[in-house]
Amino acid sequence: MPPEQAPQVITRRGLRVTGVVLVLVAATVVGTGIMTRRIADARLNQWTEMQAVPAVAVTNPDSRGRRTTIDLPGRLEAYSQAQLYARVSGYLKEWKADIGTPVKAGQLLAEIEAPDLDQQIMQAEAVVSSAQANAELAAQTLQRGQSLVTSGAVSKQDLDRRSAEAANQQGLVKSTQANLDRLRVLEKYKRIVAPFDGLVTTRTTDVGSLITAGSGGGPALFVVSDTSRLRAYVNVPQNVVPSVKIGTKAQLTVPEYPARTFQATVEASSQSVDIASGTTRMLLVVDNAAG
């Protein structure tokens, strides 16, 4: 090769090598760019999918948000209450239980001295004895007449009279005996006893007081209340009545214990609306076993 042509050959080779290198570099850059874009696209898709997942808050079902409450005044009283009056007239001989005393069914509360009743019983006993004697005499007279009627000593008409007299005397015995039994039953009411287990909440009499039979002569001698359960009467507005069912639970507060609440249960409803107030009276029962 001539000397003057050597640089030219080297230059051509160099250009070729340089061109190949440039092509490879360009291909590498393009490939890297494509791979980088694919990786970025994949990451973008993954991030997009993660952001698209909905966030759900889980909670337990509860009806408190729909619960309706209403505060109402009411009247609280014993579940059972007995006003005890005297069935016989007389004077109070003694009393055994004062207010606040727990009593049992049949326990003696007071005793009445009734001399008038005692005299009536004695008189009735005498009347019964007289009637029994007359009935016995009439029966014996009838028996003798029956034994003599066959001999003709006693007429049939006389025998019928004796038979009627014997029957009449037997009727008198039954009548006087019934009156005596009535007085003896009244005699038991000289003792005033508790009708059930409870608490004496009222005593309006004292030793020596004049007692008049019946409930029209004044206040009750004693009032016995069963306070193991309590009744609460509440007037519920008409628009709330449909949502207050039998068995509905309620919270009760009383002035004696302002920091405490007691559970009550709706037991009955009057099923009518008061015209004046537009309310329905409902009965709630409170367990008061703890007093």
Protein backbone atom coordinates (compact mmCIF):
# COMPACT_ATOMS: atom_id res chain seq x y z
CA MET A 1 0.00 0.00 0.00
CA PRO A 2 1.31 3.38 -0.75
CA PRO A 3 2.20 5.52 2.24
CA GLU A 4 -0.14 8.23 1.23
CA GLN A 5 -3.17 5.91 1.39
CA ALA A 6 -2.61 4.46 4.98
CA PRO A 7 -4.30 7.25 6.99
CA GLN A 8 -7.25 7.10 4.71
CA VAL A 9 -7.72 3.35 5.34
CA ILE A 10 -7.41 3.82 9.12
CA THR A 11 -9.90 6.60 8.99
CA ARG A 12 -12.46 4.44 7.24
CA ARG A 13 -12.00 1.61 9.74
CA GLY A 14 -12.23 4.05 12.57
CA LEU A 15 -15.40 5.45 11.14
CA ARG A 16 -16.85 1.98 10.86
CA VAL A 17 -15.91 1.07 14.42
CA THR A 18 -17.19 4.35 15.66
CA GLY A 19 -20.45 3.87 13.77
CA VAL A 20 -20.91 0.39 15.22
CA VAL A 21 -20.18 1.66 18.71
CA LEU A 22 -22.62 4.51 18.24
CA VAL A 23 -25.28 2.07 17.01
CA LEU A 24 -24.67 -0.18 20.02
CA VAL A 25 -24.77 2.78 22.39
CA ALA A 26 -27.96 4.03 20.79
CA ALA A 27 -29.50 0.55 20.97
CA THR A 28 -28.45 0.28 24.61
CA VAL A 29 -29.94 3.68 25.40
CA VAL A 30 -33.15 2.86 23.59
CA GLY A 31 -33.39 -0.58 25.29
CA THR A 32 -32.67 0.91 28.70
CA GLY A 33 -35.26 3.58 28.13
CA ILE A 34 -37.83 1.04 27.06
CA MET A 35 -37.10 -1.19 30.08
CA THR A 36 -37.16 1.82 32.39
CA ARG A 37 -40.52 2.90 30.98
CA ARG A 38 -41.93 -0.62 31.32
CA ILE A 39 -40.76 -0.83 34.92
CA ALA A 40 -42.22 2.61 35.64
CA ASP A 41 -45.49 1.63 33.94
CA ALA A 42 -45.64 -1.57 36.00
CA ARG A 43 -45.01 0.34 39.21
CA LEU A 44 -47.59 2.93 38.21
CA ASN A 45 -50.18 0.20 37.49
CA GLN A 46 -49.41 -1.47 40.83
CA TRP A 47 -49.73 1.82 42.71
CA THR A 48 -52.97 2.62 40.87
CA GLU A 49 -54.46 -0.76 41.73
CA MET A 50 -53.47 -0.33 45.38
CA GLN A 51 -55.06 3.10 45.48
CA ALA A 52 -58.23 1.71 43.89
CA VAL A 53 -58.90 -0.78 46.77
CA PRO A 54 -61.90 0.62 48.76
CA ALA A 55 -61.37 1.27 52.50
CA VAL A 56 -64.21 -0.32 54.54
CA ALA A 57 -64.83 0.38 58.23
CA VAL A 58 -66.38 -2.58 60.09
CA THR A 59 -68.63 -2.09 63.13
CA ASN A 60 -71.11 -4.13 65.10
CA PRO A 61 -74.82 -3.49 64.43
CA ASP A 62 -76.43 -1.27 67.06
CA SER A 63 -79.91 0.16 67.40
CA ARG A 64 -78.96 2.93 69.81
CA GLY A 65 -78.97 5.43 67.06
CA ARG A 66 -82.66 4.75 66.48
CA ARG A 67 -83.60 4.41 70.15
CA THR A 68 -86.14 6.92 71.42
CA THR A 69 -86.14 8.00 75.06
CA ILE A 70 -88.67 10.08 76.94
CA ASP A 71 -88.63 11.33 80.53
CA LEU A 72 -91.98 11.34 82.32
CA PRO A 73 -93.11 11.92 85.91
CA GLY A 74 -94.99 9.14 87.67
CA ARG A 75 -96.61 8.06 90.91
CA LEU A 76 -94.96 5.28 92.92
CA GLU A 77 -96.90 3.12 95.37
CA ALA A 78 -96.91 -0.33 96.94
CA TYR A 79 -97.87 -3.23 94.70
CA SER A 80 -100.52 -4.37 97.22
CA GLN A 81 -102.09 -2.21 99.89
CA ALA A 82 -104.84 -3.05 102.40
CA GLN A 83 -106.76 -0.53 104.48
CA LEU A 84 -107.96 -2.29 107.61
CA TYR A 85 -111.22 -1.23 109.26
CA ALA A 86 -113.03 -2.71 112.24
CA ARG A 87 -115.95 -5.08 111.69
CA VAL A 88 -117.15 -4.67 115.30
CA SER A 89 -117.70 -1.61 117.46
CA GLY A 90 -115.98 -1.13 120.79
CA TYR A 91 -112.78 0.24 122.28
CA LEU A 92 -109.21 -0.48 121.26
CA LYS A 93 -107.78 -2.77 123.90
CA GLU A 94 -104.18 -2.80 122.59
CA TRP A 95 -102.13 -2.52 119.42
CA LYS A 96 -99.09 -4.60 118.51
CA ALA A 97 -97.51 -2.95 115.45
CA ASP A 98 -96.60 0.66 114.71
CA ILE A 99 -95.71 2.31 111.41
CA GLY A 100 -92.62 0.87 109.73
CA THR A 101 -93.07 -2.54 111.37
CA PRO A 102 -92.66 -5.57 109.06
CA VAL A 103 -95.53 -8.02 109.60
CA LYS A 104 -96.45 -11.51 108.41
CA ALA A 105 -99.80 -12.71 107.13
CA GLY A 106 -102.10 -13.43 110.11
CA GLN A 107 -99.98 -11.48 112.60
CA LEU A 108 -102.00 -9.64 115.28
CA LEU A 109 -102.00 -5.86 114.82
CA ALA A 110 -104.59 -4.80 117.42
CA GLU A 111 -107.39 -6.17 119.61
CA ILE A 112 -110.78 -4.58 120.21
CA GLU A 113 -112.82 -4.86 123.40
CA ALA A 114 -116.49 -5.17 122.38
CA PRO A 115 -118.78 -5.64 125.43
CA ASP A 116 -121.93 -5.14 123.38
CA LEU A 117 -120.97 -8.01 121.09
CA ASP A 118 -120.14 -10.21 124.04
CA GLN A 119 -123.63 -9.60 125.49
CA GLN A 120 -125.24 -10.35 122.12
CA ILE A 121 -123.38 -13.66 121.98
CA MET A 122 -124.53 -14.59 125.47
CA GLN A 123 -128.11 -13.71 124.58
CA ALA A 124 -127.93 -15.70 121.35
CA GLU A 125 -126.60 -18.74 123.22
CA ALA A 126 -129.55 -18.53 125.65
CA VAL A 127 -132.01 -18.25 122.74
CA VAL A 128 -130.47 -21.30 121.08
CA SER A 129 -130.74 -23.30 124.32
CA SER A 130 -134.41 -22.31 124.71
CA ALA A 131 -135.19 -23.20 121.10
CA GLN A 132 -133.48 -26.59 121.43
CA ALA A 133 -135.52 -27.34 124.59
CA ASN A 134 -138.77 -26.38 122.88
CA ALA A 135 -137.85 -28.46 119.83
CA GLU A 136 -137.09 -31.47 122.02
CA LEU A 137 -140.44 -31.08 123.85
CA ALA A 138 -142.30 -30.79 120.55
CA ALA A 139 -140.56 -33.92 119.25
CA GLN A 140 -141.53 -35.90 122.37
CA THR A 141 -145.15 -34.67 122.12
CA LEU A 142 -145.27 -35.77 118.51
CA GLN A 143 -143.84 -39.17 119.40
CA ARG A 144 -146.47 -39.73 122.10
CA GLY A 145 -149.24 -38.71 119.76
CA GLN A 146 -148.00 -41.14 117.11
CA SER A 147 -148.13 -43.96 119.68
CA LEU A 148 -151.71 -43.06 120.74
CA VAL A 149 -153.23 -42.34 117.34
CA THR A 150 -153.85 -46.06 116.68
CA SER A 151 -155.92 -46.38 119.90
CA GLY A 152 -158.03 -43.32 119.07
CA ALA A 153 -156.87 -41.32 122.07
CA VAL A 154 -155.39 -38.72 119.73
CA SER A 155 -157.15 -37.49 116.64
CA LYS A 156 -155.54 -37.25 113.26
CA GLN A 157 -155.93 -33.48 113.34
CA ASP A 158 -154.17 -33.22 116.72
CA LEU A 159 -151.34 -35.37 115.40
CA ASP A 160 -150.91 -33.06 112.41
CA ARG A 161 -150.78 -30.06 114.75
CA ARG A 162 -148.10 -31.71 116.87
CA SER A 163 -146.10 -32.56 113.75
CA ALA A 164 -146.26 -28.95 112.52
CA GLU A 165 -145.22 -27.67 115.94
CA ALA A 166 -142.20 -30.00 116.00
CA ALA A 167 -141.14 -28.83 112.53
CA ASN A 168 -141.57 -25.19 113.54
CA GLN A 169 -139.41 -25.66 116.64
CA GLN A 170 -136.69 -27.29 114.56
CA GLY A 171 -136.76 -24.29 112.24
CA LEU A 172 -136.39 -21.94 115.20
CA VAL A 173 -133.39 -23.92 116.39
CA LYS A 174 -131.69 -23.53 113.01
CA SER A 175 -132.51 -19.81 112.87
CA THR A 176 -131.19 -19.03 116.33
CA GLN A 177 -128.12 -21.19 115.73
CA ALA A 178 -127.37 -19.29 112.50
CA ASN A 179 -127.57 -15.98 114.37
CA LEU A 180 -125.21 -17.31 117.06
CA ASP A 181 -122.75 -18.50 114.38
CA ARG A 182 -122.84 -15.03 112.77
CA LEU A 183 -122.03 -13.35 116.07
CA ARG A 184 -119.20 -15.79 116.71
CA VAL A 185 -117.74 -14.97 113.31
CA LEU A 186 -117.92 -11.27 114.16
CA GLU A 187 -116.20 -12.04 117.44
CA LYS A 188 -113.12 -13.13 115.48
CA TYR A 189 -112.91 -9.61 114.02
CA LYS A 190 -112.12 -8.29 117.49
CA ARG A 191 -108.60 -9.25 116.45
CA ILE A 192 -107.24 -7.16 113.58
CA VAL A 193 -104.58 -9.16 111.72
CA ALA A 194 -102.35 -8.53 108.72
CA PRO A 195 -103.85 -9.89 105.48
CA PHE A 196 -100.44 -10.54 103.87
CA ASP A 197 -96.71 -10.09 104.42
CA GLY A 198 -95.82 -6.43 104.27
CA LEU A 199 -95.11 -3.25 106.13
CA VAL A 200 -97.39 -1.20 108.41
CA THR A 201 -97.45 2.21 106.73
CA THR A 202 -100.33 3.82 108.68
CA ARG A 203 -101.72 3.59 112.22
CA THR A 204 -104.51 6.02 113.13
CA THR A 205 -105.75 4.60 116.45
CA ASP A 206 -104.55 4.20 120.00
CA VAL A 207 -105.46 2.39 123.21
CA GLY A 208 -108.91 3.39 124.50
CA SER A 209 -110.08 4.89 121.20
CA LEU A 210 -113.72 4.38 120.29
CA ILE A 211 -113.95 2.04 117.34
CA THR A 212 -116.90 2.18 114.96
CA ALA A 213 -117.66 -0.78 112.74
CA GLY A 214 -117.44 -0.20 108.99
CA SER A 215 -115.41 2.08 106.74
CA GLY A 216 -117.66 5.16 106.91
CA GLY A 217 -116.69 6.25 110.41
CA GLY A 218 -113.23 7.63 109.60
CA PRO A 219 -109.80 6.62 108.34
CA ALA A 220 -108.52 3.07 108.33
CA LEU A 221 -107.12 1.82 111.62
CA PHE A 222 -104.08 0.34 109.89
CA VAL A 223 -102.68 0.29 106.36
CA VAL A 224 -100.50 -2.68 105.41
CA SER A 225 -98.46 -2.38 102.21
CA ASP A 226 -96.56 -5.05 100.29
CA THR A 227 -93.41 -3.18 99.26
CA SER A 228 -91.46 -6.14 97.86
CA ARG A 229 -92.70 -4.88 94.50
CA LEU A 230 -93.78 -1.38 93.59
CA ARG A 231 -96.24 0.02 91.08
CA ALA A 232 -95.35 3.09 89.04
CA TYR A 233 -98.19 4.81 87.17
CA VAL A 234 -97.07 6.97 84.25
CA ASN A 235 -99.15 9.01 81.80
CA VAL A 236 -97.62 8.44 78.35
CA PRO A 237 -98.33 10.95 75.52
CA GLN A 238 -100.58 9.61 72.80
CA ASN A 239 -97.96 9.90 70.03
CA VAL A 240 -95.51 7.73 72.00
CA VAL A 241 -97.98 5.03 73.08
CA PRO A 242 -97.55 2.78 69.96
CA SER A 243 -93.82 2.38 70.67
CA VAL A 244 -94.31 1.42 74.33
CA LYS A 245 -95.19 -2.26 74.30
CA ILE A 246 -96.01 -4.53 77.21
CA GLY A 247 -92.67 -5.75 78.56
CA THR A 248 -90.76 -2.60 77.62
CA LYS A 249 -87.93 -1.84 80.03
CA ALA A 250 -87.60 1.56 81.66
CA GLN A 251 -85.19 3.31 84.01
CA LEU A 252 -86.70 4.76 87.18
CA THR A 253 -85.21 7.46 89.39
CA VAL A 254 -86.55 8.65 92.74
CA PRO A 255 -85.73 11.76 94.82
CA GLU A 256 -84.47 9.62 97.72
CA TYR A 257 -81.64 8.19 95.58
CA PRO A 258 -80.79 10.81 92.91
CA ALA A 259 -77.60 9.02 91.84
CA ARG A 260 -79.21 5.61 91.32
CA THR A 261 -81.53 4.14 88.71
CA PHE A 262 -83.91 1.22 89.08
CA GLN A 263 -85.21 -1.02 86.33
CA ALA A 264 -88.95 -1.14 85.73
CA THR A 265 -91.08 -3.16 83.32
CA VAL A 266 -94.29 -2.11 81.61
CA GLU A 267 -96.98 -4.58 82.75
CA ALA A 268 -100.30 -3.03 81.78
CA SER A 269 -101.91 -0.22 79.83
CA SER A 270 -105.31 1.41 80.24
CA GLN A 271 -105.80 1.06 76.46
CA SER A 272 -107.59 4.42 76.46
CA VAL A 273 -106.68 8.06 75.99
CA ASP A 274 -107.62 10.61 78.61
CA ILE A 275 -109.55 13.40 76.93
CA ALA A 276 -108.22 16.15 79.17
CA SER A 277 -104.50 15.32 78.96
CA GLY A 278 -104.24 13.30 75.75
CA THR A 279 -102.25 10.60 77.53
CA THR A 280 -102.58 6.89 78.25
CA ARG A 281 -101.95 5.60 81.76
CA MET A 282 -99.49 2.71 81.96
CA LEU A 283 -98.45 0.54 84.86
CA LEU A 284 -94.77 -0.25 85.46
CA VAL A 285 -93.60 -2.76 88.08
CA VAL A 286 -90.35 -2.34 90.00
CA ASP A 287 -88.63 -5.11 91.95
CA ASN A 288 -88.02 -3.79 95.46
CA ALA A 289 -86.93 -6.96 97.25
CA ALA A 290 -83.89 -5.14 98.61
CA GLY A 291 -86.07 -2.45 100.14
